Amino acid sequence: MPTKRRLLSSFATLIVASVSLFIPSPIYAARGWNVLYSFCLGGGDCTDGANPDAGVISDAAGNLYGTTKFGPNFGGTVFELTQGPDGIWTETVLHSFCYSQENCPDGQEPEAGVIFDAAGNLYGTTVYGGANNEGVVFELMPAADGSWTEKVLHSFVFDGKDGVVPYGGLVLDAAGNLYGTTAVGGIRNGGTVFELIPGPDGNWTEKVLHSFEEPGHYQAGPFGGLAIDASGNLYGMTWGGGIVSGNCAPSSGGSSGCGRVFELTPGANGKWSEKILHRFRGSPDGGNPSAGVTLDSVGNLYGTTYYGGTGPCGAIGCGTVFRLTPKANGEWTEKVIHDFDGNDGYNPVAGLTIDASGNLYGTIPSFGRGYGTVFELTPGANGRWQERRLHHWGFACEYGCDPQAGVVLGSAGNVYGTTYLGDGAGTVFEVLASPDDGGQEQK
């Protein structure tokens, strides 16, 4: 099974030739940044991990937690970064996943990050490994001596009902249930939304809440995770399906569709109902989202699309940032709040983070003059959004490059994230907060 990264990289090669003829670059914001940790360069020999495909989260003390896709033995890790009194960050590997072509019961190759529960346990997914080598949901439990114990909560199986290959991360509800997505599997092989319910005996029970249809091949399903609101409704996106358009992902079997945004609502009978909130068309509203959505405090949804929009990246566009707003009649209205043009980035693969003022933060793995950016979008009084680039990486990749995940905000307003490549086998970085110094590229 191809990985999410390999699928998206193959599509991106179709537009590389189009990104060298852009308008002059926007002004860069004057922010400082630091590399907090560099993972080693050695693949399976990297005991500290290699190539983080996901971002980090922070605990109340400011420690950072994340995953790496590889190392040691190419199985991947869960790690913690702790800052000492001298300002130096120290990495601790909390769990190393095994590597095996046939049997890796604890999981293998996490592509998503981890989340905390109220007791300090960590939860995550791996795309491979488990009893059936189709991925797992795992829990890491801390002990008083500082060690962590892993427990596999569910091993996915390709049986015509269960989903397989969970690229996305997890969300937790108030009752302690976990929710996530799989990109493949289910009764129609288009991926699933699932729930894991903890039992009094410590075992967890999986329930498939929804199976997506298969429009010709497996690129229909959700690559990203879910958002959950106060009523327990779930929101997410699928890469394919929806409207078939020439402005969306090309494939050997014809277009898989431009993707869609969906809502799942629990019913009194225990069944869940799906509602499609928006079907992407490619141009001008975006197409083929590879991440999840972000909820703001009033119920609007924000996200990115890998293709689409009006940017000059050939027929399929450079990608977008969009907002979905609920109306009183139950319908939703989509608005593209930023079109990427190649200069400021193209093909966003990660989701967004929102602060208390409603500003959005995200990353782009590539742009016209380098290998990745961190950006901020600020809403204006006139309904237009202003883009600032908070940091960009050049072509040398000396201090990290190619951010594949979103970012998290620290208590002081600093931005934390990861790069998949550079300075070894990826980095954890910090972008320092600074006063607003302007910018341009308004939508």
Protein backbone atom coordinates (compact mmCIF):
# COMPACT_ATOMS: atom_id res chain seq x y z
CA MET A 1 0.00 0.00 0.00
CA PRO A 2 1.54 3.37 -0.97
CA THR A 3 2.00 5.84 1.85
CA LYS A 4 0.15 9.14 2.01
CA ARG A 5 3.44 10.98 1.51
CA ARG A 6 4.32 8.94 -1.58
CA LEU A 7 0.88 9.50 -3.12
CA LEU A 8 0.98 13.25 -2.61
CA SER A 9 4.59 13.54 -3.80
CA SER A 10 3.76 11.76 -7.04
CA PHE A 11 0.92 14.19 -7.71
CA ALA A 12 3.11 17.19 -6.87
CA THR A 13 5.64 16.33 -9.58
CA LEU A 14 2.97 17.20 -12.14
CA ILE A 15 3.11 20.89 -11.26
CA VAL A 16 6.77 21.51 -10.36
CA ALA A 17 7.50 22.94 -13.80
CA SER A 18 4.75 25.51 -13.28
CA VAL A 19 6.12 27.21 -10.16
CA SER A 20 9.12 29.06 -11.57
CA LEU A 21 7.26 31.94 -13.24
CA PHE A 22 5.59 33.63 -10.30
CA ILE A 23 5.24 37.26 -9.34
CA PRO A 24 7.87 38.78 -6.99
CA SER A 25 7.97 37.31 -3.51
CA PRO A 26 5.91 38.83 -0.68
CA ILE A 27 7.68 40.44 2.25
CA TYR A 28 8.88 38.01 4.91
CA ALA A 29 7.96 38.68 8.52
CA ALA A 30 10.88 39.46 10.80
CA ARG A 31 10.69 36.62 13.25
CA GLY A 32 13.48 34.67 14.87
CA TRP A 33 13.50 30.90 15.02
CA ASN A 34 15.40 28.04 16.64
CA VAL A 35 16.07 24.40 15.88
CA LEU A 36 15.22 22.74 19.20
CA TYR A 37 16.26 19.24 18.17
CA SER A 38 17.74 17.54 15.10
CA PHE A 39 17.08 13.86 14.52
CA CYS A 40 20.01 11.73 13.44
CA LEU A 41 20.80 10.79 9.84
CA GLY A 42 20.93 7.02 9.66
CA GLY A 43 17.49 5.57 8.96
CA GLY A 44 17.17 2.36 10.95
CA ASP A 45 20.28 3.20 12.98
CA CYS A 46 18.66 6.30 14.48
CA THR A 47 17.81 5.34 18.05
CA ASP A 48 16.32 8.81 18.62
CA GLY A 49 13.97 8.52 15.63
CA ALA A 50 14.00 9.92 12.11
CA ASN A 51 11.69 11.85 9.77
CA PRO A 52 8.77 13.23 11.81
CA ASP A 53 5.69 13.23 9.59
CA ALA A 54 3.48 14.71 12.33
CA GLY A 55 3.64 17.79 14.49
CA VAL A 56 4.08 18.12 18.25
CA ILE A 57 1.82 18.79 21.21
CA SER A 58 2.64 20.53 24.47
CA ASP A 59 1.83 19.69 28.09
CA ALA A 60 1.17 22.17 30.88
CA ALA A 61 4.89 22.36 31.68
CA GLY A 62 5.83 23.21 28.09
CA ASN A 63 7.30 19.81 27.22
CA LEU A 64 6.76 18.72 23.61
CA TYR A 65 5.62 15.29 22.41
CA GLY A 66 5.53 13.80 18.94
CA THR A 67 6.27 10.86 16.68
CA THR A 68 8.84 9.96 14.05
CA LYS A 69 8.00 7.75 11.10
CA PHE A 70 11.31 5.85 11.11
CA GLY A 71 14.10 4.72 13.43
CA PRO A 72 15.24 2.64 15.14
CA ASN A 73 14.93 -0.32 12.77
CA PHE A 74 12.61 1.85 10.62
CA GLY A 75 9.67 1.22 12.97
CA GLY A 76 9.29 4.78 14.31
CA THR A 77 9.15 6.35 17.77
CA VAL A 78 7.14 8.42 20.22
CA PHE A 79 9.38 11.08 21.79
CA GLU A 80 9.39 13.83 24.42
CA LEU A 81 11.43 17.04 24.33
CA THR A 82 12.17 18.75 27.66
CA GLN A 83 13.86 22.13 28.05
CA GLY A 84 16.53 22.40 30.73
CA PRO A 85 17.45 25.46 32.82
CA ASP A 86 20.23 26.21 30.32
CA GLY A 87 17.69 26.44 27.51
CA ILE A 88 18.89 23.22 25.87
CA TRP A 89 16.22 20.72 24.83
CA THR A 90 16.73 17.04 25.60
CA GLU A 91 14.96 14.22 23.78
CA THR A 92 13.63 11.09 25.48
CA VAL A 93 12.27 8.22 23.40
CA LEU A 94 9.11 7.04 25.16
CA HIS A 95 8.53 4.09 22.82
CA SER A 96 10.30 2.57 19.81
CA PHE A 97 8.12 0.59 17.44
CA CYS A 98 9.51 -2.59 15.98
CA TYR A 99 10.12 -3.20 12.28
CA SER A 100 9.07 -6.33 10.46
CA GLN A 101 7.76 -7.22 7.01
CA GLU A 102 5.28 -9.66 8.55
CA ASN A 103 4.70 -9.23 12.25
CA CYS A 104 5.13 -6.06 14.33
CA PRO A 105 2.48 -6.41 17.05
CA ASP A 106 3.04 -3.02 18.75
CA GLY A 107 2.55 -1.02 15.54
CA GLN A 108 4.85 0.37 12.88
CA GLU A 109 5.41 3.76 11.22
CA PRO A 110 3.25 6.39 12.94
CA GLU A 111 2.35 9.15 10.48
CA ALA A 112 0.10 11.07 12.88
CA GLY A 113 0.88 12.71 16.19
CA VAL A 114 -0.31 11.88 19.70
CA ILE A 115 -2.94 13.31 22.06
CA PHE A 116 -3.23 13.42 25.87
CA ASP A 117 -6.10 12.41 28.12
CA ALA A 118 -6.76 14.01 31.50
CA ALA A 119 -4.64 11.40 33.28
CA GLY A 120 -1.55 12.08 31.16
CA ASN A 121 -1.76 9.02 28.92
CA LEU A 122 -0.86 9.39 25.24
CA TYR A 123 -2.82 7.95 22.32
CA GLY A 124 -1.90 7.57 18.66
CA THR A 125 -2.03 5.48 15.51
CA THR A 126 0.39 3.65 13.24
CA VAL A 127 -0.27 2.92 9.56
CA TYR A 128 1.24 -0.57 9.68
CA GLY A 129 1.92 -3.25 12.25
CA GLY A 130 -0.45 -4.86 14.70
CA ALA A 131 -1.92 -8.33 14.62
CA ASN A 132 -2.84 -8.00 10.93
CA ASN A 133 -0.16 -5.53 9.76
CA GLU A 134 -2.90 -3.03 8.86
CA GLY A 135 -2.21 -0.47 11.58
CA VAL A 136 -3.08 0.02 15.26
CA VAL A 137 -4.43 2.45 17.82
CA PHE A 138 -2.06 2.53 20.80
CA GLU A 139 -1.87 4.00 24.29
CA LEU A 140 1.28 5.00 26.19
CA MET A 141 0.95 5.08 29.98
CA PRO A 142 3.50 6.86 32.22
CA ALA A 143 4.86 5.22 35.36
CA ALA A 144 6.16 6.85 38.53
CA ASP A 145 9.76 6.01 37.60
CA GLY A 146 9.51 7.96 34.32
CA SER A 147 9.11 4.92 32.07
CA TRP A 148 6.20 4.45 29.65
CA THR A 149 4.29 1.29 28.78
CA GLU A 150 2.61 0.77 25.43
CA LYS A 151 -0.71 -1.01 24.99
CA VAL A 152 -2.36 -1.77 21.64
CA LEU A 153 -6.04 -0.83 21.92
CA HIS A 154 -7.07 -2.03 18.46
CA SER A 155 -5.44 -3.82 15.52
CA PHE A 156 -7.18 -3.05 12.24
CA VAL A 157 -8.10 -5.88 9.89
CA PHE A 158 -9.05 -5.85 6.20
CA ASP A 159 -12.24 -7.91 6.55
CA GLY A 160 -14.81 -5.95 4.58
CA LYS A 161 -16.05 -4.12 7.68
CA ASP A 162 -13.13 -2.63 9.59
CA GLY A 163 -11.01 0.16 8.17
CA VAL A 164 -7.27 -0.10 7.61
CA VAL A 165 -4.26 2.23 7.29
CA PRO A 166 -5.05 5.06 9.73
CA TYR A 167 -3.04 8.06 8.49
CA GLY A 168 -4.84 10.55 10.72
CA GLY A 169 -4.63 11.16 14.43
CA LEU A 170 -7.24 10.79 17.15
CA VAL A 171 -9.69 12.98 19.06
CA LEU A 172 -11.09 12.29 22.53
CA ASP A 173 -14.60 13.09 23.81
CA ALA A 174 -15.62 13.99 27.35
CA ALA A 175 -16.46 10.36 28.16
CA GLY A 176 -13.00 9.11 27.16
CA ASN A 177 -13.97 7.58 23.81
CA LEU A 178 -11.49 7.87 20.93
CA TYR A 179 -12.40 8.72 17.34
CA GLY A 180 -10.35 8.49 14.15
CA THR A 181 -10.29 7.71 10.44
CA THR A 182 -8.83 5.12 8.11
CA ALA A 183 -7.97 5.85 4.49
CA VAL A 184 -8.94 2.40 3.19
CA GLY A 185 -11.31 -0.40 4.14
CA GLY A 186 -14.85 -0.48 5.41
CA ILE A 187 -17.78 -2.09 3.66
CA ARG A 188 -17.21 -0.04 0.47
CA ASN A 189 -13.40 0.15 0.70
CA GLY A 190 -13.35 3.95 0.71
CA GLY A 191 -12.15 4.34 4.29
CA THR A 192 -13.96 4.71 7.60
CA VAL A 193 -14.66 6.78 10.67
CA PHE A 194 -14.33 4.69 13.83
CA GLU A 195 -14.86 4.94 17.57
CA LEU A 196 -12.98 3.12 20.33
CA ILE A 197 -14.90 2.69 23.60
CA PRO A 198 -13.08 1.82 26.86
CA GLY A 199 -14.57 -0.97 28.94
CA PRO A 200 -14.46 -1.50 32.73
CA ASP A 201 -12.05 -4.44 32.20
CA GLY A 202 -9.49 -2.22 30.47
CA ASN A 203 -10.28 -3.55 27.00
CA TRP A 204 -11.47 -1.31 24.18
CA THR A 205 -14.24 -2.03 21.69
CA GLU A 206 -14.14 -0.64 18.16
CA LYS A 207 -17.26 0.54 16.34
CA VAL A 208 -17.24 1.62 12.69
CA LEU A 209 -19.42 4.73 12.55
CA HIS A 210 -19.31 5.31 8.80
CA SER A 211 -17.86 3.71 5.65
CA PHE A 212 -17.11 5.89 2.64
CA GLU A 213 -17.80 4.80 -0.92
CA GLU A 214 -15.09 3.76 -3.38
CA PRO A 215 -15.16 5.85 -6.59
CA GLY A 216 -12.90 3.62 -8.65
CA HIS A 217 -9.85 3.35 -6.41
CA TYR A 218 -8.80 3.82 -2.80
CA GLN A 219 -7.85 7.51 -3.03
CA ALA A 220 -11.36 8.42 -1.86
CA GLY A 221 -10.85 8.11 1.85
CA PRO A 222 -9.84 10.52 4.61
CA PHE A 223 -6.12 11.10 5.10
CA GLY A 224 -6.61 13.50 8.01
CA GLY A 225 -8.16 13.19 11.44
CA LEU A 226 -11.37 14.58 12.91
CA ALA A 227 -12.62 17.60 14.83
CA ILE A 228 -15.31 17.22 17.51
CA ASP A 229 -17.70 19.89 18.78
CA ALA A 230 -19.36 20.31 22.19
CA SER A 231 -22.37 18.25 21.05
CA GLY A 232 -20.22 15.31 20.02
CA ASN A 233 -20.59 15.84 16.27
CA LEU A 234 -17.56 14.86 14.19
CA TYR A 235 -16.13 16.77 11.23
CA GLY A 236 -13.57 15.73 8.63
CA MET A 237 -12.63 15.63 4.96
CA THR A 238 -11.98 13.04 2.28
CA TRP A 239 -9.27 13.31 -0.37
CA GLY A 240 -11.51 12.03 -3.18
CA GLY A 241 -15.15 11.56 -3.88
CA GLY A 242 -17.54 14.42 -4.43
CA ILE A 243 -17.39 16.29 -7.74
CA VAL A 244 -15.23 14.85 -10.52
CA SER A 245 -13.25 17.63 -12.17
CA GLY A 246 -10.16 18.14 -14.28
CA ASN A 247 -9.00 20.65 -11.67
CA CYS A 248 -8.39 17.91 -9.09
CA ALA A 249 -6.08 14.95 -8.54
CA PRO A 250 -5.20 13.17 -11.78
CA SER A 251 -5.00 9.39 -11.72
CA SER A 252 -4.51 6.54 -14.15
CA GLY A 253 -8.11 5.44 -13.68
CA GLY A 254 -9.64 8.89 -14.12
CA SER A 255 -10.27 11.55 -11.51
CA SER A 256 -11.11 10.32 -8.04
CA GLY A 257 -13.15 13.44 -7.39
CA CYS A 258 -12.19 16.67 -5.66
CA GLY A 259 -13.04 15.64 -2.11
CA ARG A 260 -15.57 16.86 0.42
CA VAL A 261 -16.17 18.05 3.97
CA PHE A 262 -18.49 15.90 6.07
CA GLU A 263 -20.26 15.93 9.42
CA LEU A 264 -21.24 12.84 11.40
CA THR A 265 -24.04 13.24 13.94
CA PRO A 266 -24.89 10.66 16.63
CA GLY A 267 -28.50 9.50 16.84
CA ALA A 268 -30.58 8.25 19.74
CA ASN A 269 -30.41 4.69 18.35
CA GLY A 270 -26.62 4.61 18.39
CA LYS A 271 -26.37 5.09 14.63
CA TRP A 272 -24.53 7.99 13.06
CA SER A 273 -25.76 10.08 10.13
CA GLU A 274 -23.44 11.61 7.56
CA LYS A 275 -24.09 15.03 6.04
CA ILE A 276 -21.90 16.40 3.26
CA LEU A 277 -21.22 20.05 4.10
CA HIS A 278 -19.27 20.90 0.95
CA ARG A 279 -18.14 19.20 -2.26
CA PHE A 280 -14.96 20.71 -3.68
CA ARG A 281 -14.83 21.59 -7.38
CA GLY A 282 -11.11 22.24 -7.80
CA SER A 283 -11.35 25.72 -9.24
CA PRO A 284 -12.02 28.14 -7.71
CA ASP A 285 -12.86 26.65 -4.31
CA GLY A 286 -10.05 24.10 -3.86
CA GLY A 287 -9.72 20.36 -4.21
CA ASN A 288 -8.32 17.19 -2.62
CA PRO A 289 -7.79 18.01 1.07
CA SER A 290 -5.23 15.78 2.77
CA ALA A 291 -5.71 17.01 6.36
CA GLY A 292 -8.57 17.49 8.80
CA VAL A 293 -10.57 20.60 9.68
CA THR A 294 -10.25 23.05 12.58
CA LEU A 295 -13.24 24.39 14.54
CA ASP A 296 -13.36 27.92 15.88
CA SER A 297 -15.32 29.09 18.94
CA VAL A 298 -18.47 29.93 16.95
CA GLY A 299 -18.63 26.74 14.90
CA ASN A 300 -16.88 27.74 11.66
CA LEU A 301 -14.63 25.16 10.02
CA TYR A 302 -11.22 25.94 8.51
CA GLY A 303 -8.96 23.78 6.38
CA THR A 304 -6.57 23.47 3.46
CA THR A 305 -6.80 21.83 0.05
CA TYR A 306 -3.83 20.28 -1.76
CA TYR A 307 -5.02 21.35 -5.21
CA GLY A 308 -7.49 23.86 -6.57
CA GLY A 309 -7.96 27.55 -6.22
CA THR A 310 -6.89 30.19 -8.72
CA GLY A 311 -3.11 30.08 -8.23
CA PRO A 312 -0.85 29.70 -11.31
CA CYS A 313 0.19 26.08 -10.78
CA GLY A 314 -1.19 24.77 -14.04
CA ALA A 315 -4.73 23.52 -14.51
CA ILE A 316 -5.02 22.03 -11.03
CA GLY A 317 -4.11 25.08 -8.94
CA CYS A 318 -1.72 25.62 -6.03
CA GLY A 319 -4.13 24.86 -3.19
CA THR A 320 -6.19 26.97 -0.81
CA VAL A 321 -7.17 27.85 2.74
CA PHE A 322 -10.94 27.89 3.16
CA ARG A 323 -13.66 28.59 5.72
CA LEU A 324 -17.05 26.89 6.02
CA THR A 325 -19.74 28.87 7.86
CA PRO A 326 -23.01 27.31 9.11
CA LYS A 327 -26.27 29.06 8.22
CA ALA A 328 -29.53 29.09 10.17
CA ASN A 329 -31.18 26.71 7.69
CA GLY A 330 -28.54 24.04 8.30
CA GLU A 331 -26.62 24.66 5.09
CA TRP A 332 -22.95 25.69 5.01
CA THR A 333 -21.23 28.36 2.92
CA GLU A 334 -17.64 27.98 1.75
CA LYS A 335 -15.26 30.90 1.22
CA VAL A 336 -11.67 30.67 0.01
CA ILE A 337 -9.77 32.99 2.33
CA HIS A 338 -6.37 32.43 0.71
CA ASP A 339 -5.18 31.15 -2.67
CA PHE A 340 -1.57 29.99 -2.71
CA ASP A 341 0.35 31.23 -5.75
CA GLY A 342 3.58 29.22 -5.59
CA ASN A 343 5.62 32.14 -4.31
CA ASP A 344 4.06 31.74 -0.89
CA GLY A 345 3.69 27.98 -1.22
CA TYR A 346 1.85 25.25 -3.04
CA ASN A 347 0.19 21.94 -2.19
CA PRO A 348 -0.51 22.32 1.56
CA VAL A 349 -0.74 18.92 3.22
CA ALA A 350 -1.27 19.94 6.86
CA GLY A 351 -4.19 21.31 8.81
CA LEU A 352 -4.47 24.63 10.63
CA THR A 353 -4.13 25.94 14.18
CA ILE A 354 -6.29 28.83 15.41
CA ASP A 355 -5.50 31.20 18.27
CA ALA A 356 -7.84 33.07 20.62
CA SER A 357 -7.95 36.07 18.27
CA GLY A 358 -9.00 33.96 15.30
CA ASN A 359 -5.64 34.01 13.51
CA LEU A 360 -4.73 30.85 11.57
CA TYR A 361 -1.32 29.20 11.43
CA GLY A 362 -0.03 26.50 9.12
CA THR A 363 2.83 25.15 7.03
CA ILE A 364 3.59 24.57 3.37
CA PRO A 365 6.17 21.91 2.37
CA SER A 366 7.36 23.76 -0.78
CA PHE A 367 7.22 27.18 -2.36
CA GLY A 368 8.77 29.02 -5.28
CA ARG A 369 12.09 29.78 -3.59
CA GLY A 370 12.62 27.05 -1.05
CA TYR A 371 11.50 23.94 0.80
CA GLY A 372 8.78 25.11 3.12
CA THR A 373 7.18 27.96 5.04
CA VAL A 374 5.30 28.71 8.24
CA PHE A 375 2.49 31.18 7.61
CA GLU A 376 -0.12 33.16 9.54
CA LEU A 377 -3.48 34.37 8.21
CA THR A 378 -5.11 37.28 10.05
CA PRO A 379 -8.76 38.31 9.51
CA GLY A 380 -9.38 41.96 8.69
CA ALA A 381 -12.33 44.18 9.45
CA ASN A 382 -13.28 44.16 5.76
CA GLY A 383 -13.55 40.38 5.62
CA ARG A 384 -10.23 40.04 3.82
CA TRP A 385 -7.40 37.97 5.24
CA GLN A 386 -3.78 39.04 5.42
CA GLU A 387 -0.99 36.49 4.99
CA ARG A 388 2.40 36.72 6.70
CA ARG A 389 5.24 34.29 6.30
CA LEU A 390 6.66 33.71 9.75
CA HIS A 391 9.56 31.59 8.55
CA HIS A 392 10.80 30.01 5.34
CA TRP A 393 13.41 27.39 4.54
CA GLY A 394 15.68 27.75 1.53
CA PHE A 395 16.85 25.13 -0.92
CA ALA A 396 19.95 24.14 1.08
CA CYS A 397 17.89 22.34 3.74
CA GLU A 398 20.79 22.85 6.14
CA TYR A 399 18.65 23.54 9.19
CA GLY A 400 15.59 21.52 8.31
CA CYS A 401 13.06 21.72 5.51
CA ASP A 402 9.87 20.13 4.15
CA PRO A 403 7.37 20.60 7.02
CA GLN A 404 4.64 18.00 6.55
CA ALA A 405 2.56 18.76 9.64
CA GLY A 406 0.74 21.63 11.29
CA VAL A 407 2.03 23.68 14.20
CA VAL A 408 1.13 24.21 17.84
CA LEU A 409 1.18 27.52 19.76
CA GLY A 410 3.05 27.93 23.03
CA SER A 411 1.88 30.01 25.98
CA ALA A 412 4.13 32.91 24.95
CA GLY A 413 2.85 32.90 21.38
CA ASN A 414 5.78 30.97 19.94
CA VAL A 415 5.04 28.46 17.18
CA TYR A 416 6.35 24.88 17.37
CA GLY A 417 6.49 22.27 14.63
CA THR A 418 8.58 19.70 12.79
CA THR A 419 10.36 19.32 9.47
CA TYR A 420 10.50 15.95 7.75
CA LEU A 421 13.96 16.51 6.27
CA GLY A 422 17.13 18.47 6.88
CA ASP A 423 19.88 18.83 9.45
CA GLY A 424 20.00 15.05 9.76
CA ALA A 425 16.63 13.34 9.45
CA GLY A 426 14.31 16.19 10.34
CA THR A 427 13.94 18.69 13.15
CA VAL A 428 11.71 20.13 15.83
CA PHE A 429 11.66 23.93 15.45
CA GLU A 430 10.42 27.03 17.25
CA VAL A 431 9.36 30.30 15.60
CA LEU A 432 9.55 33.18 18.07
CA ALA A 433 6.65 35.59 18.54
CA SER A 434 7.15 39.21 17.53
CA PRO A 435 4.97 42.30 17.07
CA ASP A 436 2.89 42.53 13.90
CA ASP A 437 5.20 43.88 11.21
CA GLY A 438 2.84 43.94 8.29
CA GLY A 439 2.83 41.80 5.19
CA GLN A 440 0.74 41.55 2.11
CA GLU A 441 -1.18 39.07 -0.05
CA GLN A 442 -4.71 39.86 1.09
CA LYS A 443 -7.80 37.82 0.18
